[in-house]
Amino acid sequence: LGREVPPSYLHHPLVLHPSGAKLSKANRDTGIRDLRAAGGSPARVMGQAAYLSGLIGAPRDLEVSELAGFF
């Protein structure tokens, strides 16, 4: 690709539905846009995503600045 330095990648944990199935747009699972439209704050949406991906043990508001400590 003409790059001098290869790109870095981050592999995040699989985000699961509370039933244990993976979240998928094909299954019409709720997206971030839907959560925000329903009144979820950015911190609430980030906390829910972190919980569903197994990064935190219970849903809670989570500031973006807190995410670096998980990786």
N, C-alpha and C. Protein backbone atom coordinates (compact mmCIF):
# COMPACT_ATOMS: atom_id res chain seq x y z
N LEU A 1 0.80 -1.19 0.00
CA LEU A 1 0.00 0.00 0.00
C LEU A 1 0.85 1.26 0.00
N GLY A 2 2.15 1.12 -0.05
CA GLY A 2 3.01 2.27 -0.08
C GLY A 2 3.27 2.91 1.28
N ARG A 3 2.95 2.20 2.33
CA ARG A 3 3.17 2.74 3.68
C ARG A 3 4.53 2.34 4.19
N GLU A 4 5.20 3.26 4.89
CA GLU A 4 6.48 2.92 5.50
C GLU A 4 6.30 2.14 6.79
N VAL A 5 5.21 2.41 7.49
CA VAL A 5 4.91 1.74 8.75
C VAL A 5 3.61 0.96 8.59
N PRO A 6 3.59 -0.32 8.92
CA PRO A 6 2.34 -1.07 8.77
C PRO A 6 1.27 -0.55 9.74
N PRO A 7 0.00 -0.66 9.37
CA PRO A 7 -1.06 -0.18 10.26
C PRO A 7 -1.15 -1.03 11.52
N SER A 8 -1.69 -0.45 12.57
CA SER A 8 -1.95 -1.17 13.82
C SER A 8 -3.42 -1.55 13.85
N TYR A 9 -3.72 -2.68 14.45
CA TYR A 9 -5.10 -3.14 14.55
C TYR A 9 -5.45 -3.42 16.00
N LEU A 10 -6.72 -3.28 16.30
CA LEU A 10 -7.23 -3.59 17.62
C LEU A 10 -8.33 -4.62 17.45
N HIS A 11 -8.23 -5.71 18.15
CA HIS A 11 -9.29 -6.72 18.13
C HIS A 11 -10.08 -6.58 19.42
N HIS A 12 -11.34 -6.22 19.29
CA HIS A 12 -12.19 -6.04 20.46
C HIS A 12 -12.97 -7.33 20.73
N PRO A 13 -13.43 -7.50 21.94
CA PRO A 13 -14.24 -8.67 22.25
C PRO A 13 -15.55 -8.65 21.46
N LEU A 14 -16.08 -9.80 21.18
CA LEU A 14 -17.36 -9.91 20.48
C LEU A 14 -18.46 -9.33 21.36
N VAL A 15 -19.29 -8.49 20.79
CA VAL A 15 -20.39 -7.88 21.52
C VAL A 15 -21.59 -8.81 21.42
N LEU A 16 -22.13 -9.19 22.58
CA LEU A 16 -23.21 -10.17 22.62
C LEU A 16 -24.53 -9.57 23.08
N HIS A 17 -25.60 -10.12 22.56
CA HIS A 17 -26.95 -9.81 23.01
C HIS A 17 -27.12 -10.47 24.38
N PRO A 18 -27.97 -9.92 25.26
CA PRO A 18 -28.16 -10.56 26.56
C PRO A 18 -28.50 -12.06 26.48
N SER A 19 -29.04 -12.52 25.36
CA SER A 19 -29.35 -13.94 25.19
C SER A 19 -28.10 -14.78 24.93
N GLY A 20 -26.97 -14.10 24.66
CA GLY A 20 -25.73 -14.80 24.37
C GLY A 20 -25.38 -14.85 22.89
N ALA A 21 -26.32 -14.50 22.01
CA ALA A 21 -26.06 -14.48 20.57
C ALA A 21 -25.29 -13.21 20.20
N LYS A 22 -24.48 -13.26 19.14
CA LYS A 22 -23.75 -12.07 18.74
C LYS A 22 -24.72 -11.02 18.19
N LEU A 23 -24.39 -9.75 18.44
CA LEU A 23 -25.20 -8.67 17.90
C LEU A 23 -24.97 -8.58 16.40
N SER A 24 -26.02 -8.30 15.66
CA SER A 24 -25.92 -8.27 14.21
C SER A 24 -26.99 -7.36 13.62
N LYS A 25 -26.56 -6.52 12.66
CA LYS A 25 -27.55 -5.71 11.95
C LYS A 25 -28.49 -6.60 11.16
N ALA A 26 -28.00 -7.74 10.69
CA ALA A 26 -28.85 -8.66 9.93
C ALA A 26 -30.01 -9.18 10.77
N ASN A 27 -29.81 -9.24 12.10
CA ASN A 27 -30.87 -9.68 13.00
C ASN A 27 -31.70 -8.51 13.53
N ARG A 28 -31.45 -7.33 12.97
CA ARG A 28 -32.15 -6.09 13.36
C ARG A 28 -31.94 -5.73 14.83
N ASP A 29 -30.73 -6.00 15.33
CA ASP A 29 -30.40 -5.60 16.69
C ASP A 29 -30.28 -4.08 16.76
N THR A 30 -30.47 -3.54 17.93
CA THR A 30 -30.43 -2.10 18.15
C THR A 30 -29.04 -1.55 17.91
N GLY A 31 -28.95 -0.45 17.18
CA GLY A 31 -27.68 0.21 16.91
C GLY A 31 -27.49 1.43 17.77
N ILE A 32 -26.31 2.02 17.70
CA ILE A 32 -26.00 3.21 18.48
C ILE A 32 -26.97 4.34 18.16
N ARG A 33 -27.30 4.52 16.89
CA ARG A 33 -28.24 5.57 16.52
C ARG A 33 -29.57 5.40 17.25
N ASP A 34 -30.04 4.16 17.35
CA ASP A 34 -31.30 3.88 18.05
C ASP A 34 -31.19 4.20 19.54
N LEU A 35 -30.06 3.84 20.14
CA LEU A 35 -29.86 4.10 21.56
C LEU A 35 -29.83 5.61 21.84
N ARG A 36 -29.15 6.35 20.97
CA ARG A 36 -29.09 7.81 21.14
C ARG A 36 -30.46 8.43 20.93
N ALA A 37 -31.21 7.95 19.93
CA ALA A 37 -32.56 8.48 19.67
C ALA A 37 -33.50 8.21 20.84
N ALA A 38 -33.24 7.14 21.58
CA ALA A 38 -34.07 6.80 22.74
C ALA A 38 -33.65 7.58 23.99
N GLY A 39 -32.69 8.50 23.83
CA GLY A 39 -32.29 9.35 24.94
C GLY A 39 -31.04 8.93 25.67
N GLY A 40 -30.35 7.91 25.19
CA GLY A 40 -29.13 7.46 25.86
C GLY A 40 -28.01 8.47 25.67
N SER A 41 -27.35 8.85 26.76
CA SER A 41 -26.21 9.75 26.68
C SER A 41 -25.02 9.00 26.07
N PRO A 42 -24.02 9.73 25.56
CA PRO A 42 -22.83 9.04 25.06
C PRO A 42 -22.20 8.12 26.12
N ALA A 43 -22.15 8.59 27.37
CA ALA A 43 -21.57 7.76 28.45
C ALA A 43 -22.40 6.51 28.69
N ARG A 44 -23.72 6.61 28.59
CA ARG A 44 -24.59 5.46 28.80
C ARG A 44 -24.41 4.45 27.66
N VAL A 45 -24.33 4.95 26.42
CA VAL A 45 -24.15 4.07 25.26
C VAL A 45 -22.80 3.37 25.34
N MET A 46 -21.74 4.11 25.71
CA MET A 46 -20.41 3.50 25.83
C MET A 46 -20.40 2.44 26.94
N GLY A 47 -21.06 2.73 28.05
CA GLY A 47 -21.12 1.77 29.14
C GLY A 47 -21.86 0.51 28.75
N GLN A 48 -22.93 0.65 28.01
CA GLN A 48 -23.69 -0.52 27.57
C GLN A 48 -22.85 -1.37 26.61
N ALA A 49 -22.14 -0.70 25.69
CA ALA A 49 -21.28 -1.43 24.76
C ALA A 49 -20.15 -2.14 25.50
N ALA A 50 -19.55 -1.47 26.48
CA ALA A 50 -18.48 -2.10 27.27
C ALA A 50 -19.01 -3.29 28.05
N TYR A 51 -20.20 -3.18 28.59
CA TYR A 51 -20.81 -4.30 29.32
C TYR A 51 -21.09 -5.48 28.39
N LEU A 52 -21.70 -5.20 27.25
CA LEU A 52 -22.05 -6.29 26.33
C LEU A 52 -20.83 -6.96 25.73
N SER A 53 -19.69 -6.24 25.69
CA SER A 53 -18.47 -6.85 25.16
C SER A 53 -17.63 -7.50 26.25
N GLY A 54 -18.12 -7.46 27.49
CA GLY A 54 -17.42 -8.13 28.58
C GLY A 54 -16.31 -7.32 29.21
N LEU A 55 -16.19 -6.04 28.88
CA LEU A 55 -15.13 -5.22 29.45
C LEU A 55 -15.43 -4.79 30.89
N ILE A 56 -16.71 -4.64 31.23
CA ILE A 56 -17.10 -4.31 32.59
C ILE A 56 -18.19 -5.29 33.04
N GLY A 57 -18.31 -5.49 34.33
CA GLY A 57 -19.21 -6.52 34.86
C GLY A 57 -20.68 -6.16 34.93
N ALA A 58 -20.99 -4.86 34.87
CA ALA A 58 -22.38 -4.42 34.94
C ALA A 58 -22.52 -3.14 34.12
N PRO A 59 -23.69 -2.90 33.53
CA PRO A 59 -23.86 -1.67 32.77
C PRO A 59 -23.76 -0.44 33.67
N ARG A 60 -23.05 0.57 33.22
CA ARG A 60 -22.94 1.85 33.92
C ARG A 60 -22.48 2.90 32.92
N ASP A 61 -22.66 4.16 33.26
CA ASP A 61 -22.14 5.22 32.41
C ASP A 61 -20.62 5.10 32.38
N LEU A 62 -20.05 5.26 31.20
CA LEU A 62 -18.61 5.09 31.01
C LEU A 62 -18.11 6.18 30.08
N GLU A 63 -17.20 7.00 30.56
CA GLU A 63 -16.63 8.06 29.74
C GLU A 63 -15.60 7.48 28.77
N VAL A 64 -15.50 8.09 27.61
CA VAL A 64 -14.56 7.62 26.59
C VAL A 64 -13.14 7.57 27.15
N SER A 65 -12.78 8.52 27.99
CA SER A 65 -11.43 8.57 28.55
C SER A 65 -11.11 7.32 29.39
N GLU A 66 -12.11 6.62 29.88
CA GLU A 66 -11.90 5.41 30.68
C GLU A 66 -11.57 4.19 29.81
N LEU A 67 -11.88 4.25 28.53
CA LEU A 67 -11.71 3.08 27.66
C LEU A 67 -10.26 2.67 27.48
N ALA A 68 -9.32 3.62 27.46
CA ALA A 68 -7.92 3.29 27.22
C ALA A 68 -7.40 2.26 28.21
N GLY A 69 -7.88 2.30 29.43
CA GLY A 69 -7.41 1.35 30.45
C GLY A 69 -7.83 -0.09 30.19
N PHE A 70 -8.77 -0.31 29.29
CA PHE A 70 -9.24 -1.66 29.00
C PHE A 70 -8.41 -2.36 27.92
N PHE A 71 -7.56 -1.58 27.21
CA PHE A 71 -6.85 -2.18 26.08
C PHE A 71 -5.37 -2.15 26.30
